[in-house]
Amino acid sequence: MNLKNFQKHPFLFWQPQKDYLKAFDHSVFGEIGLIIFNYSIWVFFFVVSYFLIRYDINFFGRLFLVTLIAEIIERYLKKQKIWIRPMFLHRSATPNGLVNSWYYSGSFPSGHTIKMIYFLLFVISTQVIPIPLFLIITIPLLTFRVLAGFHYPIDIIGGVIIGLLLWFLSKDIISPQFLNNFIQPIFNFIFFIK
């Protein structure tokens, strides 16, 4: 199957008939909402990271390593521009408030999804926050990214697969004790932990 035929698959490349992103472009509140929906997941991941590291300092090394590898994989694949982001089928410019260079690369894979999956698996393994809370926050944000035209469902599926692989590769990593001894007092100082 060649790429052109693959891209005709109705589910993998589904997009809504309505251009939902256009609704955000017409007002200041829409632009602010778009920025919040797009970037709030990073604040949430920071909070989850805090709870994971507080639970076990080894999570600092794991999260650092897996996030670094995820970024390298994501940026490499997006630079290949396997297919463009669906929003560019309706428009020629990135919406206000979003970083142009991030959106003019390809659509595959969804970096938000990669990180969501490995954070979810770390949360499941530790129960540092309630799993339903994690899902209630992340699933609507990922759904929004498809509805807004930032990704196709295939990008989300690719992100799930990559996130699973990264979690399996990193789940048993134990940070060297010298790194834990270095990070622990810094972490305690930053977050006022006695």
N, C-alpha and C. Protein backbone atom coordinates (compact mmCIF):
# COMPACT_ATOMS: atom_id res chain seq x y z
N MET A 1 0.85 -1.18 0.00
CA MET A 1 0.00 0.00 0.00
C MET A 1 0.89 1.24 0.00
N ASN A 2 0.69 2.15 -0.96
CA ASN A 2 1.51 3.35 -0.98
C ASN A 2 0.90 4.42 -0.07
N LEU A 3 1.67 5.49 0.19
CA LEU A 3 1.27 6.52 1.14
C LEU A 3 -0.02 7.21 0.72
N LYS A 4 -0.21 7.47 -0.55
CA LYS A 4 -1.42 8.15 -1.03
C LYS A 4 -2.67 7.33 -0.72
N ASN A 5 -2.61 6.02 -0.97
CA ASN A 5 -3.76 5.15 -0.66
C ASN A 5 -3.97 5.05 0.85
N PHE A 6 -2.88 4.99 1.60
CA PHE A 6 -2.94 4.91 3.05
C PHE A 6 -3.65 6.16 3.61
N GLN A 7 -3.35 7.32 3.04
CA GLN A 7 -3.93 8.57 3.53
C GLN A 7 -5.41 8.71 3.22
N LYS A 8 -5.95 7.83 2.40
CA LYS A 8 -7.38 7.87 2.11
C LYS A 8 -8.20 7.08 3.12
N HIS A 9 -7.53 6.41 4.06
CA HIS A 9 -8.24 5.61 5.05
C HIS A 9 -9.16 6.52 5.87
N PRO A 10 -10.47 6.22 5.91
CA PRO A 10 -11.43 7.14 6.52
C PRO A 10 -11.27 7.34 8.02
N PHE A 11 -10.81 6.33 8.74
CA PHE A 11 -10.66 6.51 10.19
C PHE A 11 -9.30 7.14 10.53
N LEU A 12 -8.25 6.62 9.97
CA LEU A 12 -6.90 7.06 10.34
C LEU A 12 -6.66 8.54 10.03
N PHE A 13 -7.33 9.04 8.99
CA PHE A 13 -7.14 10.44 8.59
C PHE A 13 -8.43 11.24 8.72
N TRP A 14 -9.28 10.83 9.65
CA TRP A 14 -10.55 11.51 9.87
C TRP A 14 -10.32 12.94 10.34
N GLN A 15 -11.16 13.83 9.86
CA GLN A 15 -11.21 15.21 10.33
C GLN A 15 -12.68 15.64 10.32
N PRO A 16 -13.06 16.50 11.26
CA PRO A 16 -14.46 16.95 11.26
C PRO A 16 -14.76 17.79 10.02
N GLN A 17 -16.01 17.79 9.60
CA GLN A 17 -16.42 18.60 8.45
C GLN A 17 -16.29 20.09 8.76
N LYS A 18 -16.59 20.45 10.00
CA LYS A 18 -16.52 21.85 10.41
C LYS A 18 -15.08 22.20 10.79
N ASP A 19 -14.67 23.42 10.45
CA ASP A 19 -13.34 23.92 10.83
C ASP A 19 -13.45 24.55 12.22
N TYR A 20 -13.27 23.74 13.27
CA TYR A 20 -13.41 24.24 14.64
C TYR A 20 -12.33 25.25 14.99
N LEU A 21 -11.18 25.13 14.39
CA LEU A 21 -10.10 26.07 14.68
C LEU A 21 -10.48 27.49 14.27
N LYS A 22 -11.28 27.59 13.24
CA LYS A 22 -11.71 28.91 12.76
C LYS A 22 -12.50 29.66 13.83
N ALA A 23 -13.26 28.92 14.63
CA ALA A 23 -14.05 29.55 15.70
C ALA A 23 -13.14 30.22 16.74
N PHE A 24 -11.96 29.69 16.93
CA PHE A 24 -11.03 30.28 17.90
C PHE A 24 -10.35 31.53 17.35
N ASP A 25 -10.28 31.66 16.05
CA ASP A 25 -9.59 32.78 15.42
C ASP A 25 -10.35 34.10 15.47
N HIS A 26 -11.63 34.05 15.77
CA HIS A 26 -12.47 35.24 15.61
C HIS A 26 -12.59 36.14 16.83
N SER A 27 -11.95 35.78 17.92
CA SER A 27 -12.02 36.64 19.10
C SER A 27 -10.77 36.49 19.95
N VAL A 28 -10.56 37.49 20.78
CA VAL A 28 -9.44 37.45 21.72
C VAL A 28 -9.62 36.29 22.69
N PHE A 29 -10.86 36.10 23.15
CA PHE A 29 -11.13 34.99 24.08
C PHE A 29 -10.89 33.65 23.41
N GLY A 30 -11.20 33.57 22.12
CA GLY A 30 -10.94 32.33 21.38
C GLY A 30 -9.46 32.04 21.28
N GLU A 31 -8.67 33.08 21.01
CA GLU A 31 -7.22 32.90 20.92
C GLU A 31 -6.64 32.50 22.27
N ILE A 32 -7.13 33.11 23.34
CA ILE A 32 -6.67 32.75 24.69
C ILE A 32 -7.06 31.31 25.01
N GLY A 33 -8.30 30.94 24.66
CA GLY A 33 -8.75 29.56 24.87
C GLY A 33 -7.91 28.56 24.11
N LEU A 34 -7.55 28.91 22.87
CA LEU A 34 -6.71 28.04 22.06
C LEU A 34 -5.35 27.83 22.72
N ILE A 35 -4.77 28.90 23.22
CA ILE A 35 -3.47 28.80 23.89
C ILE A 35 -3.59 27.94 25.15
N ILE A 36 -4.65 28.16 25.92
CA ILE A 36 -4.85 27.37 27.14
C ILE A 36 -5.02 25.89 26.81
N PHE A 37 -5.90 25.58 25.84
CA PHE A 37 -6.11 24.17 25.46
C PHE A 37 -4.84 23.54 24.92
N ASN A 38 -4.03 24.32 24.23
CA ASN A 38 -2.84 23.78 23.59
C ASN A 38 -1.69 23.55 24.56
N TYR A 39 -1.49 24.46 25.52
CA TYR A 39 -0.31 24.39 26.36
C TYR A 39 -0.57 23.95 27.80
N SER A 40 -1.83 23.88 28.23
CA SER A 40 -2.11 23.53 29.63
C SER A 40 -1.67 22.12 29.98
N ILE A 41 -1.60 21.26 29.01
CA ILE A 41 -1.19 19.88 29.29
C ILE A 41 0.25 19.84 29.84
N TRP A 42 1.08 20.81 29.44
CA TRP A 42 2.47 20.83 29.93
C TRP A 42 2.51 21.20 31.40
N VAL A 43 1.62 22.10 31.82
CA VAL A 43 1.53 22.44 33.24
C VAL A 43 1.08 21.21 34.03
N PHE A 44 0.10 20.51 33.48
CA PHE A 44 -0.38 19.30 34.15
C PHE A 44 0.73 18.26 34.26
N PHE A 45 1.50 18.06 33.18
CA PHE A 45 2.60 17.10 33.22
C PHE A 45 3.66 17.52 34.25
N PHE A 46 3.87 18.81 34.42
CA PHE A 46 4.80 19.30 35.43
C PHE A 46 4.30 18.90 36.82
N VAL A 47 3.01 19.08 37.06
CA VAL A 47 2.43 18.71 38.36
C VAL A 47 2.55 17.20 38.59
N VAL A 48 2.25 16.41 37.57
CA VAL A 48 2.39 14.96 37.70
C VAL A 48 3.85 14.59 37.97
N SER A 49 4.77 15.26 37.27
CA SER A 49 6.20 15.01 37.51
C SER A 49 6.57 15.28 38.96
N TYR A 50 6.05 16.37 39.49
CA TYR A 50 6.31 16.70 40.90
C TYR A 50 5.90 15.54 41.80
N PHE A 51 4.67 15.03 41.62
CA PHE A 51 4.19 13.95 42.47
C PHE A 51 4.99 12.66 42.27
N LEU A 52 5.37 12.39 41.04
CA LEU A 52 6.18 11.19 40.78
C LEU A 52 7.55 11.30 41.44
N ILE A 53 8.20 12.44 41.29
CA ILE A 53 9.55 12.62 41.87
C ILE A 53 9.47 12.64 43.39
N ARG A 54 8.43 13.25 43.93
CA ARG A 54 8.27 13.25 45.38
C ARG A 54 8.04 11.83 45.90
N TYR A 55 7.32 11.03 45.12
CA TYR A 55 7.07 9.63 45.48
C TYR A 55 8.37 8.83 45.49
N ASP A 56 9.20 9.05 44.46
CA ASP A 56 10.47 8.32 44.33
C ASP A 56 11.42 9.17 43.50
N ILE A 57 12.52 9.57 44.07
CA ILE A 57 13.48 10.45 43.40
C ILE A 57 14.01 9.84 42.11
N ASN A 58 13.95 8.51 41.98
CA ASN A 58 14.39 7.85 40.74
C ASN A 58 13.59 8.31 39.53
N PHE A 59 12.37 8.80 39.76
CA PHE A 59 11.56 9.25 38.63
C PHE A 59 12.18 10.46 37.92
N PHE A 60 12.99 11.23 38.61
CA PHE A 60 13.62 12.37 37.94
C PHE A 60 14.45 11.88 36.75
N GLY A 61 15.33 10.92 37.01
CA GLY A 61 16.19 10.39 35.94
C GLY A 61 15.38 9.72 34.84
N ARG A 62 14.37 8.94 35.23
CA ARG A 62 13.53 8.26 34.23
C ARG A 62 12.79 9.27 33.36
N LEU A 63 12.15 10.23 34.00
CA LEU A 63 11.38 11.22 33.25
C LEU A 63 12.27 12.08 32.36
N PHE A 64 13.43 12.44 32.87
CA PHE A 64 14.37 13.23 32.07
C PHE A 64 14.79 12.45 30.83
N LEU A 65 15.18 11.20 31.02
CA LEU A 65 15.65 10.38 29.91
C LEU A 65 14.55 10.11 28.90
N VAL A 66 13.38 9.69 29.37
CA VAL A 66 12.31 9.33 28.45
C VAL A 66 11.79 10.58 27.72
N THR A 67 11.76 11.72 28.38
CA THR A 67 11.31 12.96 27.72
C THR A 67 12.32 13.39 26.67
N LEU A 68 13.59 13.27 26.97
CA LEU A 68 14.63 13.62 26.00
C LEU A 68 14.53 12.73 24.76
N ILE A 69 14.41 11.43 24.97
CA ILE A 69 14.29 10.50 23.83
C ILE A 69 13.00 10.76 23.05
N ALA A 70 11.91 11.03 23.76
CA ALA A 70 10.63 11.32 23.10
C ALA A 70 10.76 12.55 22.21
N GLU A 71 11.41 13.58 22.71
CA GLU A 71 11.59 14.81 21.92
C GLU A 71 12.42 14.56 20.67
N ILE A 72 13.47 13.79 20.81
CA ILE A 72 14.33 13.48 19.66
C ILE A 72 13.55 12.71 18.60
N ILE A 73 12.82 11.68 19.03
CA ILE A 73 12.03 10.87 18.09
C ILE A 73 10.96 11.72 17.43
N GLU A 74 10.23 12.48 18.24
CA GLU A 74 9.15 13.31 17.71
C GLU A 74 9.68 14.33 16.69
N ARG A 75 10.73 15.03 17.05
CA ARG A 75 11.26 16.06 16.14
C ARG A 75 11.81 15.44 14.85
N TYR A 76 12.47 14.31 14.98
CA TYR A 76 12.99 13.64 13.78
C TYR A 76 11.85 13.26 12.83
N LEU A 77 10.83 12.60 13.37
CA LEU A 77 9.73 12.15 12.53
C LEU A 77 8.94 13.32 11.94
N LYS A 78 8.76 14.38 12.72
CA LYS A 78 8.02 15.53 12.20
C LYS A 78 8.80 16.26 11.11
N LYS A 79 10.12 16.27 11.23
CA LYS A 79 10.93 16.91 10.18
C LYS A 79 10.84 16.16 8.86
N GLN A 80 10.47 14.88 8.91
CA GLN A 80 10.32 14.09 7.69
C GLN A 80 9.08 14.53 6.90
N LYS A 81 8.17 15.25 7.57
CA LYS A 81 6.93 15.73 6.96
C LYS A 81 6.22 14.62 6.18
N ILE A 82 5.96 13.53 6.88
CA ILE A 82 5.28 12.40 6.28
C ILE A 82 3.93 12.87 5.72
N TRP A 83 3.22 13.73 6.47
CA TRP A 83 2.04 14.45 5.97
C TRP A 83 1.92 15.72 6.80
N ILE A 84 1.29 16.72 6.18
CA ILE A 84 1.15 18.00 6.86
C ILE A 84 0.02 17.94 7.87
N ARG A 85 0.00 18.91 8.74
CA ARG A 85 -1.07 18.99 9.73
C ARG A 85 -2.38 19.29 9.01
N PRO A 86 -3.47 18.67 9.46
CA PRO A 86 -4.74 18.86 8.77
C PRO A 86 -5.22 20.31 8.73
N MET A 87 -4.84 21.12 9.70
CA MET A 87 -5.31 22.51 9.70
C MET A 87 -4.83 23.26 8.46
N PHE A 88 -3.71 22.83 7.87
CA PHE A 88 -3.20 23.53 6.69
C PHE A 88 -3.93 23.15 5.41
N LEU A 89 -4.91 22.26 5.53
CA LEU A 89 -5.78 22.00 4.39
C LEU A 89 -6.80 23.13 4.23
N HIS A 90 -7.04 23.89 5.33
CA HIS A 90 -8.03 24.98 5.33
C HIS A 90 -7.39 26.36 5.46
N ARG A 91 -6.14 26.42 5.81
CA ARG A 91 -5.52 27.71 6.11
C ARG A 91 -4.06 27.67 5.73
N SER A 92 -3.44 28.85 5.67
CA SER A 92 -2.03 28.90 5.31
C SER A 92 -1.14 29.36 6.46
N ALA A 93 -1.75 29.80 7.55
CA ALA A 93 -0.96 30.32 8.66
C ALA A 93 -1.31 29.61 9.96
N THR A 94 -0.34 29.56 10.85
CA THR A 94 -0.55 29.03 12.19
C THR A 94 -1.37 30.04 12.98
N PRO A 95 -2.35 29.60 13.78
CA PRO A 95 -3.13 30.54 14.58
C PRO A 95 -2.25 31.35 15.53
N ASN A 96 -2.71 32.56 15.86
CA ASN A 96 -1.98 33.43 16.79
C ASN A 96 -1.77 32.72 18.13
N GLY A 97 -0.60 32.95 18.71
CA GLY A 97 -0.29 32.39 20.01
C GLY A 97 0.40 31.04 19.97
N LEU A 98 0.49 30.41 18.80
CA LEU A 98 1.15 29.13 18.67
C LEU A 98 2.50 29.32 18.00
N VAL A 99 3.45 28.48 18.32
CA VAL A 99 4.81 28.60 17.80
C VAL A 99 4.85 28.06 16.36
N ASN A 100 5.11 28.96 15.41
CA ASN A 100 5.09 28.60 13.98
C ASN A 100 5.92 27.38 13.65
N SER A 101 7.16 27.37 14.11
CA SER A 101 8.09 26.30 13.71
C SER A 101 7.61 24.93 14.19
N TRP A 102 6.82 24.87 15.26
CA TRP A 102 6.31 23.60 15.74
C TRP A 102 5.21 23.06 14.85
N TYR A 103 4.51 23.94 14.18
CA TYR A 103 3.34 23.52 13.41
C TYR A 103 3.61 23.37 11.93
N TYR A 104 4.68 23.97 11.43
CA TYR A 104 4.99 23.82 10.01
C TYR A 104 5.78 22.55 9.72
N SER A 105 6.18 21.85 10.77
CA SER A 105 6.76 20.53 10.54
C SER A 105 5.60 19.57 10.30
N GLY A 106 5.88 18.32 10.14
CA GLY A 106 4.81 17.36 9.87
C GLY A 106 3.89 17.14 11.06
N SER A 107 2.88 16.34 10.83
CA SER A 107 1.86 16.09 11.83
C SER A 107 2.15 14.84 12.67
N PHE A 108 2.90 13.91 12.13
CA PHE A 108 3.12 12.61 12.77
C PHE A 108 4.45 12.57 13.49
N PRO A 109 4.48 12.10 14.73
CA PRO A 109 3.42 11.65 15.63
C PRO A 109 2.97 12.79 16.55
N SER A 110 1.96 12.53 17.35
CA SER A 110 1.50 13.52 18.33
C SER A 110 2.40 13.45 19.56
N GLY A 111 3.18 14.51 19.77
CA GLY A 111 4.06 14.58 20.94
C GLY A 111 3.28 14.63 22.24
N HIS A 112 2.13 15.32 22.23
CA HIS A 112 1.29 15.36 23.42
C HIS A 112 0.89 13.93 23.81
N THR A 113 0.55 13.12 22.82
CA THR A 113 0.11 11.75 23.11
C THR A 113 1.25 10.89 23.62
N ILE A 114 2.43 11.03 23.02
CA ILE A 114 3.59 10.26 23.49
C ILE A 114 3.77 10.48 24.99
N LYS A 115 3.79 11.75 25.38
CA LYS A 115 4.03 12.07 26.79
C LYS A 115 2.84 11.65 27.66
N MET A 116 1.64 11.81 27.15
CA MET A 116 0.45 11.41 27.92
C MET A 116 0.51 9.92 28.26
N ILE A 117 0.90 9.11 27.29
CA ILE A 117 0.92 7.66 27.51
C ILE A 117 1.97 7.27 28.53
N TYR A 118 3.21 7.76 28.40
CA TYR A 118 4.18 7.30 29.39
C TYR A 118 3.93 7.90 30.76
N PHE A 119 3.37 9.12 30.83
CA PHE A 119 2.99 9.64 32.15
C PHE A 119 1.85 8.80 32.74
N LEU A 120 0.87 8.43 31.91
CA LEU A 120 -0.23 7.61 32.38
C LEU A 120 0.28 6.28 32.96
N LEU A 121 1.20 5.65 32.27
CA LEU A 121 1.72 4.37 32.75
C LEU A 121 2.53 4.52 34.03
N PHE A 122 3.26 5.63 34.16
CA PHE A 122 3.96 5.88 35.43
C PHE A 122 2.95 6.12 36.55
N VAL A 123 1.87 6.85 36.25
CA VAL A 123 0.83 7.10 37.25
C VAL A 123 0.14 5.80 37.65
N ILE A 124 -0.17 4.95 36.68
CA ILE A 124 -0.79 3.65 36.98
C ILE A 124 0.11 2.82 37.88
N SER A 125 1.41 2.86 37.62
CA SER A 125 2.33 2.03 38.41
C SER A 125 2.56 2.56 39.82
N THR A 126 2.22 3.83 40.06
CA THR A 126 2.49 4.41 41.38
C THR A 126 1.24 4.87 42.12
N GLN A 127 0.18 5.17 41.38
CA GLN A 127 -1.05 5.71 41.97
C GLN A 127 -0.81 7.04 42.70
N VAL A 128 0.13 7.86 42.20
CA VAL A 128 0.41 9.14 42.87
C VAL A 128 -0.72 10.14 42.72
N ILE A 129 -1.50 10.00 41.67
CA ILE A 129 -2.73 10.78 41.51
C ILE A 129 -3.80 9.82 41.02
N PRO A 130 -5.06 10.14 41.22
CA PRO A 130 -6.12 9.24 40.74
C PRO A 130 -6.11 9.13 39.21
N ILE A 131 -6.17 7.91 38.72
CA ILE A 131 -6.13 7.66 37.27
C ILE A 131 -7.31 8.34 36.56
N PRO A 132 -8.55 8.29 37.12
CA PRO A 132 -9.65 8.99 36.44
C PRO A 132 -9.38 10.49 36.29
N LEU A 133 -8.76 11.10 37.29
CA LEU A 133 -8.42 12.53 37.19
C LEU A 133 -7.45 12.76 36.04
N PHE A 134 -6.45 11.91 35.93
CA PHE A 134 -5.47 12.02 34.85
C PHE A 134 -6.18 11.95 33.50
N LEU A 135 -7.08 10.98 33.35
CA LEU A 135 -7.77 10.78 32.07
C LEU A 135 -8.77 11.91 31.78
N ILE A 136 -9.44 12.41 32.81
CA ILE A 136 -10.41 13.50 32.63
C ILE A 136 -9.70 14.76 32.12
N ILE A 137 -8.47 14.94 32.51
CA ILE A 137 -7.72 16.13 32.06
C ILE A 137 -7.09 15.91 30.69
N THR A 138 -6.50 14.75 30.45
CA THR A 138 -5.72 14.56 29.22
C THR A 138 -6.55 14.17 28.00
N ILE A 139 -7.55 13.33 28.15
CA ILE A 139 -8.31 12.87 26.98
C ILE A 139 -9.01 14.02 26.25
N PRO A 140 -9.69 14.95 26.97
CA PRO A 140 -10.28 16.08 26.24
C PRO A 140 -9.24 16.93 25.50
N LEU A 141 -8.07 17.09 26.09
CA LEU A 141 -7.03 17.89 25.43
C LEU A 141 -6.54 17.21 24.15
N LEU A 142 -6.40 15.90 24.18
CA LEU A 142 -5.97 15.18 22.97
C LEU A 142 -7.08 15.17 21.92
N THR A 143 -8.32 15.02 22.37
CA THR A 143 -9.46 15.06 21.44
C THR A 143 -9.54 16.43 20.77
N PHE A 144 -9.32 17.47 21.55
CA PHE A 144 -9.32 18.83 21.01
C PHE A 144 -8.29 18.98 19.89
N ARG A 145 -7.14 18.36 20.04
CA ARG A 145 -6.08 18.51 19.04
C ARG A 145 -6.48 17.89 17.70
N VAL A 146 -7.28 16.84 17.74
CA VAL A 146 -7.78 16.26 16.48
C VAL A 146 -8.89 17.16 15.93
N LEU A 147 -9.82 17.57 16.77
CA LEU A 147 -10.93 18.41 16.32
C LEU A 147 -10.45 19.75 15.77
N ALA A 148 -9.39 20.29 16.36
CA ALA A 148 -8.88 21.59 15.91
C ALA A 148 -8.04 21.47 14.64
N GLY A 149 -7.67 20.26 14.26
CA GLY A 149 -6.89 20.09 13.04
C GLY A 149 -5.39 20.09 13.26
N PHE A 150 -4.95 19.91 14.49
CA PHE A 150 -3.51 19.81 14.74
C PHE A 150 -3.00 18.42 14.41
N HIS A 151 -3.89 17.42 14.52
CA HIS A 151 -3.50 16.03 14.27
C HIS A 151 -4.63 15.24 13.64
N TYR A 152 -4.22 14.15 12.98
CA TYR A 152 -5.15 13.12 12.52
C TYR A 152 -5.18 12.03 13.59
N PRO A 153 -6.20 11.17 13.61
CA PRO A 153 -6.18 10.03 14.54
C PRO A 153 -4.93 9.16 14.41
N ILE A 154 -4.38 9.01 13.21
CA ILE A 154 -3.16 8.20 13.03
C ILE A 154 -1.98 8.79 13.80
N ASP A 155 -1.94 10.11 13.95
CA ASP A 155 -0.88 10.75 14.73
C ASP A 155 -1.01 10.39 16.21
N ILE A 156 -2.26 10.31 16.68
CA ILE A 156 -2.52 9.93 18.07
C ILE A 156 -2.12 8.47 18.27
N ILE A 157 -2.51 7.61 17.33
CA ILE A 157 -2.17 6.18 17.42
C ILE A 157 -0.64 6.00 17.43
N GLY A 158 0.05 6.73 16.56
CA GLY A 158 1.52 6.68 16.55
C GLY A 158 2.10 7.14 17.87
N GLY A 159 1.51 8.19 18.46
CA GLY A 159 1.97 8.67 19.76
C GLY A 159 1.78 7.64 20.86
N VAL A 160 0.64 6.91 20.79
CA VAL A 160 0.38 5.86 21.79
C VAL A 160 1.45 4.77 21.69
N ILE A 161 1.74 4.34 20.48
CA ILE A 161 2.73 3.27 20.28
C ILE A 161 4.11 3.70 20.76
N ILE A 162 4.53 4.89 20.38
CA ILE A 162 5.85 5.39 20.80
C ILE A 162 5.89 5.58 22.31
N GLY A 163 4.81 6.13 22.89
CA GLY A 163 4.76 6.31 24.35
C GLY A 163 4.86 4.99 25.09
N LEU A 164 4.16 3.95 24.58
CA LEU A 164 4.25 2.62 25.20
C LEU A 164 5.67 2.07 25.13
N LEU A 165 6.30 2.19 23.97
CA LEU A 165 7.67 1.69 23.82
C LEU A 165 8.63 2.41 24.75
N LEU A 166 8.50 3.72 24.85
CA LEU A 166 9.39 4.49 25.73
C LEU A 166 9.19 4.12 27.19
N TRP A 167 7.93 3.89 27.58
CA TRP A 167 7.69 3.50 28.96
C TRP A 167 8.31 2.13 29.25
N PHE A 168 8.11 1.17 28.34
CA PHE A 168 8.68 -0.15 28.56
C PHE A 168 10.20 -0.11 28.62
N LEU A 169 10.81 0.75 27.82
CA LEU A 169 12.28 0.86 27.83
C LEU A 169 12.80 1.55 29.10
N SER A 170 11.97 2.39 29.72
CA SER A 170 12.46 3.17 30.85
C SER A 170 11.91 2.75 32.20
N LYS A 171 10.94 1.86 32.24
CA LYS A 171 10.24 1.56 33.49
C LYS A 171 11.14 0.96 34.57
N ASP A 172 12.19 0.28 34.19
CA ASP A 172 13.06 -0.37 35.18
C ASP A 172 14.38 0.36 35.41
N ILE A 173 14.51 1.54 34.83
CA ILE A 173 15.76 2.31 35.00
C ILE A 173 15.82 2.84 36.44
N ILE A 174 16.97 2.68 37.02
CA ILE A 174 17.22 3.23 38.36
C ILE A 174 18.36 4.22 38.22
N SER A 175 18.11 5.44 38.67
CA SER A 175 19.13 6.48 38.57
C SER A 175 20.32 6.15 39.46
N PRO A 176 21.51 6.54 39.05
CA PRO A 176 22.67 6.34 39.92
C PRO A 176 22.48 7.10 41.24
N GLN A 177 22.96 6.53 42.30
CA GLN A 177 22.76 7.13 43.62
C GLN A 177 23.34 8.53 43.71
N PHE A 178 24.48 8.78 43.05
CA PHE A 178 25.07 10.13 43.12
C PHE A 178 24.14 11.16 42.50
N LEU A 179 23.39 10.77 41.43
CA LEU A 179 22.44 11.69 40.80
C LEU A 179 21.27 11.95 41.75
N ASN A 180 20.76 10.88 42.37
CA ASN A 180 19.67 11.05 43.34
C ASN A 180 20.10 11.92 44.51
N ASN A 181 21.33 11.71 44.99
CA ASN A 181 21.85 12.52 46.10
C ASN A 181 22.01 13.98 45.70
N PHE A 182 22.28 14.23 44.42
CA PHE A 182 22.43 15.60 43.92
C PHE A 182 21.06 16.26 43.72
N ILE A 183 20.11 15.52 43.17
CA ILE A 183 18.79 16.06 42.83
C ILE A 183 17.91 16.25 44.06
N GLN A 184 17.94 15.31 45.00
CA GLN A 184 17.02 15.35 46.14
C GLN A 184 17.06 16.67 46.91
N PRO A 185 18.23 17.19 47.33
CA PRO A 185 18.21 18.46 48.07
C PRO A 185 17.75 19.64 47.22
N ILE A 186 18.05 19.61 45.93
CA ILE A 186 17.58 20.68 45.04
C ILE A 186 16.07 20.65 44.93
N PHE A 187 15.52 19.45 44.72
CA PHE A 187 14.08 19.28 44.64
C PHE A 187 13.42 19.73 45.94
N ASN A 188 13.96 19.31 47.08
CA ASN A 188 13.40 19.70 48.37
C ASN A 188 13.45 21.20 48.58
N PHE A 189 14.55 21.84 48.17
CA PHE A 189 14.69 23.29 48.32
C PHE A 189 13.68 24.03 47.44
N ILE A 190 13.56 23.63 46.19
CA ILE A 190 12.65 24.31 45.25
C ILE A 190 11.20 24.22 45.72
N PHE A 191 10.82 23.07 46.27
CA PHE A 191 9.42 22.86 46.64
C PHE A 191 9.20 22.96 48.17
N PHE A 192 10.18 23.53 48.88
CA PHE A 192 10.05 23.79 50.32
C PHE A 192 9.70 22.54 51.11
N ILE A 193 10.38 21.46 50.77
CA ILE A 193 10.16 20.19 51.48
C ILE A 193 11.24 20.03 52.53
N LYS A 194 10.84 19.76 53.76
CA LYS A 194 11.81 19.61 54.85
C LYS A 194 12.20 18.17 55.01
